[in-house]
C-alpha atoms as a PDB file:
ATOM      1  CA  MET A   1     149.059 168.527 112.893  1.00  0.00           C
ATOM      2  CA  GLY A   2     150.038 170.616 109.876  1.00  0.00           C
ATOM      3  CA  TRP A   3     151.586 174.074 109.759  1.00  0.00           C
ATOM      4  CA  GLY A   4     148.248 175.560 108.718  1.00  0.00           C
ATOM      5  CA  ASN A   5     146.649 174.408 111.999  1.00  0.00           C
ATOM      6  CA  ILE A   6     149.537 175.811 114.022  1.00  0.00           C
ATOM      7  CA  ARG A   7     149.352 179.177 112.265  1.00  0.00           C
ATOM      8  CA  ALA A   8     145.560 179.356 112.625  1.00  0.00           C
ATOM      9  CA  GLY A   9     145.826 178.621 116.368  1.00  0.00           C
ATOM     10  CA  ALA A  10     148.527 181.246 116.811  1.00  0.00           C
ATOM     11  CA  VAL A  11     146.438 183.840 114.966  1.00  0.00           C
ATOM     12  CA  ILE A  12     143.352 183.166 117.085  1.00  0.00           C
ATOM     13  CA  PHE A  13     145.415 183.290 120.306  1.00  0.00           C
ATOM     14  CA  TYR A  14     146.941 186.593 119.114  1.00  0.00           C
ATOM     15  CA  TYR A  15     143.496 188.107 118.478  1.00  0.00           C
ATOM     16  CA  MET A  16     142.196 186.910 121.853  1.00  0.00           C
ATOM     17  CA  LYS A  17     145.131 188.628 123.611  1.00  0.00           C
ATOM     18  CA  LEU A  18     144.807 191.716 121.408  1.00  0.00           C
ATOM     19  CA  MET A  19     141.086 192.019 122.209  1.00  0.00           C
ATOM     20  CA  GLU A  20     141.838 191.707 125.930  1.00  0.00           C
ATOM     21  CA  GLN A  21     144.533 194.408 125.702  1.00  0.00           C
ATOM     22  CA  VAL A  22     142.347 196.827 123.741  1.00  0.00           C
ATOM     23  CA  LEU A  23     139.424 196.384 126.125  1.00  0.00           C
ATOM     24  CA  SER A  24     141.738 196.868 129.091  1.00  0.00           C
ATOM     25  CA  GLU A  25     143.029 200.126 127.639  1.00  0.00           C
ATOM     26  CA  LEU A  26     139.427 201.265 127.170  1.00  0.00           C
ATOM     27  CA  GLY A  27     138.799 200.749 130.875  1.00  0.00           C
ATOM     28  CA  ALA A  28     137.499 197.193 130.970  1.00  0.00           C
ATOM     29  CA  ASP A  29     140.070 196.061 133.506  1.00  0.00           C
ATOM     30  CA  ASP A  30     137.744 193.586 135.136  1.00  0.00           C
ATOM     31  CA  LEU A  31     137.137 191.398 132.117  1.00  0.00           C
ATOM     32  CA  LYS A  32     135.620 188.824 134.455  1.00  0.00           C
ATOM     33  CA  ALA A  33     132.890 187.177 132.413  1.00  0.00           C
ATOM     34  CA  PHE A  34     132.576 188.131 128.764  1.00  0.00           C
ATOM     35  CA  THR A  35     132.846 190.717 126.011  1.00  0.00           C
ATOM     36  CA  VAL A  36     130.813 190.735 122.791  1.00  0.00           C
ATOM     37  CA  ILE A  37     131.762 192.637 119.664  1.00  0.00           C
ATOM     38  CA  PRO A  38     128.823 192.932 117.221  1.00  0.00           C
ATOM     39  CA  ALA A  39     129.151 191.097 113.886  1.00  0.00           C
ATOM     40  CA  PHE A  40     132.507 189.635 115.034  1.00  0.00           C
ATOM     41  CA  GLY A  41     132.055 187.394 118.037  1.00  0.00           C
ATOM     42  CA  GLY A  42     132.669 187.239 121.754  1.00  0.00           C
ATOM     43  CA  TYR A  43     135.310 186.385 124.313  1.00  0.00           C
ATOM     44  CA  PHE A  44     134.154 184.475 127.389  1.00  0.00           C
ATOM     45  CA  ARG A  45     136.189 183.679 130.490  1.00  0.00           C
ATOM     46  CA  CYS A  46     135.930 180.959 133.133  1.00  0.00           C
ATOM     47  CA  VAL A  47     133.857 178.614 130.945  1.00  0.00           C
ATOM     48  CA  LYS A  48     133.336 175.309 132.736  1.00  0.00           C
ATOM     49  CA  ASN A  49     131.223 173.597 130.085  1.00  0.00           C
ATOM     50  CA  ILE A  50     129.555 174.029 126.691  1.00  0.00           C
ATOM     51  CA  ALA A  51     126.041 172.775 127.370  1.00  0.00           C
ATOM     52  CA  GLU A  52     124.643 173.316 123.876  1.00  0.00           C
ATOM     53  CA  TYR A  53     126.188 174.178 120.520  1.00  0.00           C
ATOM     54  CA  SER A  54     124.753 174.928 117.088  1.00  0.00           C
ATOM     55  CA  ALA A  55     125.254 177.591 114.418  1.00  0.00           C
ATOM     56  CA  GLU A  56     122.303 179.530 115.915  1.00  0.00           C
ATOM     57  CA  LYS A  57     122.676 178.919 119.649  1.00  0.00           C
ATOM     58  CA  VAL A  58     125.479 178.334 122.161  1.00  0.00           C
ATOM     59  CA  VAL A  59     124.951 177.755 125.872  1.00  0.00           C
ATOM     60  CA  LEU A  60     127.995 178.283 128.077  1.00  0.00           C
ATOM     61  CA  VAL A  61     128.210 177.293 131.728  1.00  0.00           C
ATOM     62  CA  LEU A  62     130.474 179.636 133.675  1.00  0.00           C
ATOM     63  CA  ARG A  63     131.312 179.370 137.384  1.00  0.00           C
ATOM     64  CA  LYS A  64     128.013 180.707 138.747  1.00  0.00           C
ATOM     65  CA  THR A  65     126.296 181.745 135.535  1.00  0.00           C
ATOM     66  CA  VAL A  66     124.770 180.277 132.404  1.00  0.00           C
ATOM     67  CA  VAL A  67     125.188 182.420 129.278  1.00  0.00           C
ATOM     68  CA  THR A  68     123.003 181.730 126.255  1.00  0.00           C
ATOM     69  CA  LEU A  69     124.063 183.170 122.921  1.00  0.00           C
ATOM     70  CA  GLU A  70     121.814 183.380 119.899  1.00  0.00           C
ATOM     71  CA  GLY A  71     122.819 184.558 116.456  1.00  0.00           C
ATOM     72  CA  GLU A  72     123.976 183.446 113.048  1.00  0.00           C
ATOM     73  CA  GLY A  73     127.024 181.504 111.951  1.00  0.00           C
ATOM     74  CA  LEU A  74     128.217 180.848 115.522  1.00  0.00           C
ATOM     75  CA  GLU A  75     131.422 178.816 115.718  1.00  0.00           C
ATOM     76  CA  ILE A  76     133.844 177.953 118.458  1.00  0.00           C
ATOM     77  CA  GLY A  77     136.958 179.801 117.366  1.00  0.00           C
ATOM     78  CA  ARG A  78     139.223 178.786 120.226  1.00  0.00           C
ATOM     79  CA  TYR A  79     138.794 177.106 123.631  1.00  0.00           C
ATOM     80  CA  PHE A  80     141.874 177.364 125.818  1.00  0.00           C
ATOM     81  CA  GLU A  81     142.274 177.185 129.616  1.00  0.00           C
ATOM     82  CA  GLN A  82     138.601 177.962 130.321  1.00  0.00           C
ATOM     83  CA  ASP A  83     138.582 180.923 127.922  1.00  0.00           C
ATOM     84  CA  ILE A  84     136.578 180.650 124.728  1.00  0.00           C
ATOM     85  CA  PHE A  85     136.272 182.742 121.588  1.00  0.00           C
ATOM     86  CA  ILE A  86     132.957 182.403 119.745  1.00  0.00           C
ATOM     87  CA  LYS A  87     133.032 183.630 116.139  1.00  0.00           C
ATOM     88  CA  GLY A  88     129.898 184.804 114.373  1.00  0.00           C
ATOM     89  CA  ASP A  89     127.126 187.380 114.564  1.00  0.00           C
ATOM     90  CA  ILE A  90     125.932 187.269 118.184  1.00  0.00           C
ATOM     91  CA  LYS A  91     122.530 188.959 118.287  1.00  0.00           C
ATOM     92  CA  VAL A  92     121.211 187.954 121.737  1.00  0.00           C
ATOM     93  CA  VAL A  93     122.965 187.340 125.055  1.00  0.00           C
ATOM     94  CA  LYS A  94     120.969 185.962 128.005  1.00  0.00           C
ATOM     95  CA  VAL A  95     122.533 185.639 131.430  1.00  0.00           C
ATOM     96  CA  ASP A  96     120.904 183.348 134.006  1.00  0.00           C
END
C-alpha cells in the first residue's frame, strides 16, 4: 500500500466525520440511516450488504431496509465498519 492510498483513505475518513459533525450541528442528531448531499454523494450507516453496484445504480441492504440509489457516476468512496460513502450525483433514493 503506497502513501497515496493512505492519504486518500485519511481524506475520505476526514470528510465522512466532517459531514457527520456538520449535520449534527444542524440538528440531525439521529443520523440513523443516511444523508444525501445533491451533486456530491451520500453517507449511509448500518450497511449490511451491497446487493447491486454500477455507475448508475447502487442497492444497499441496511438492517431492516433496502435503499436503492440511482444517479450518475456513482462510486463507493469508502466502506468502513458498516458505514459507506457513495460519491456521485445521486438523483433518486428509494427506501423499501
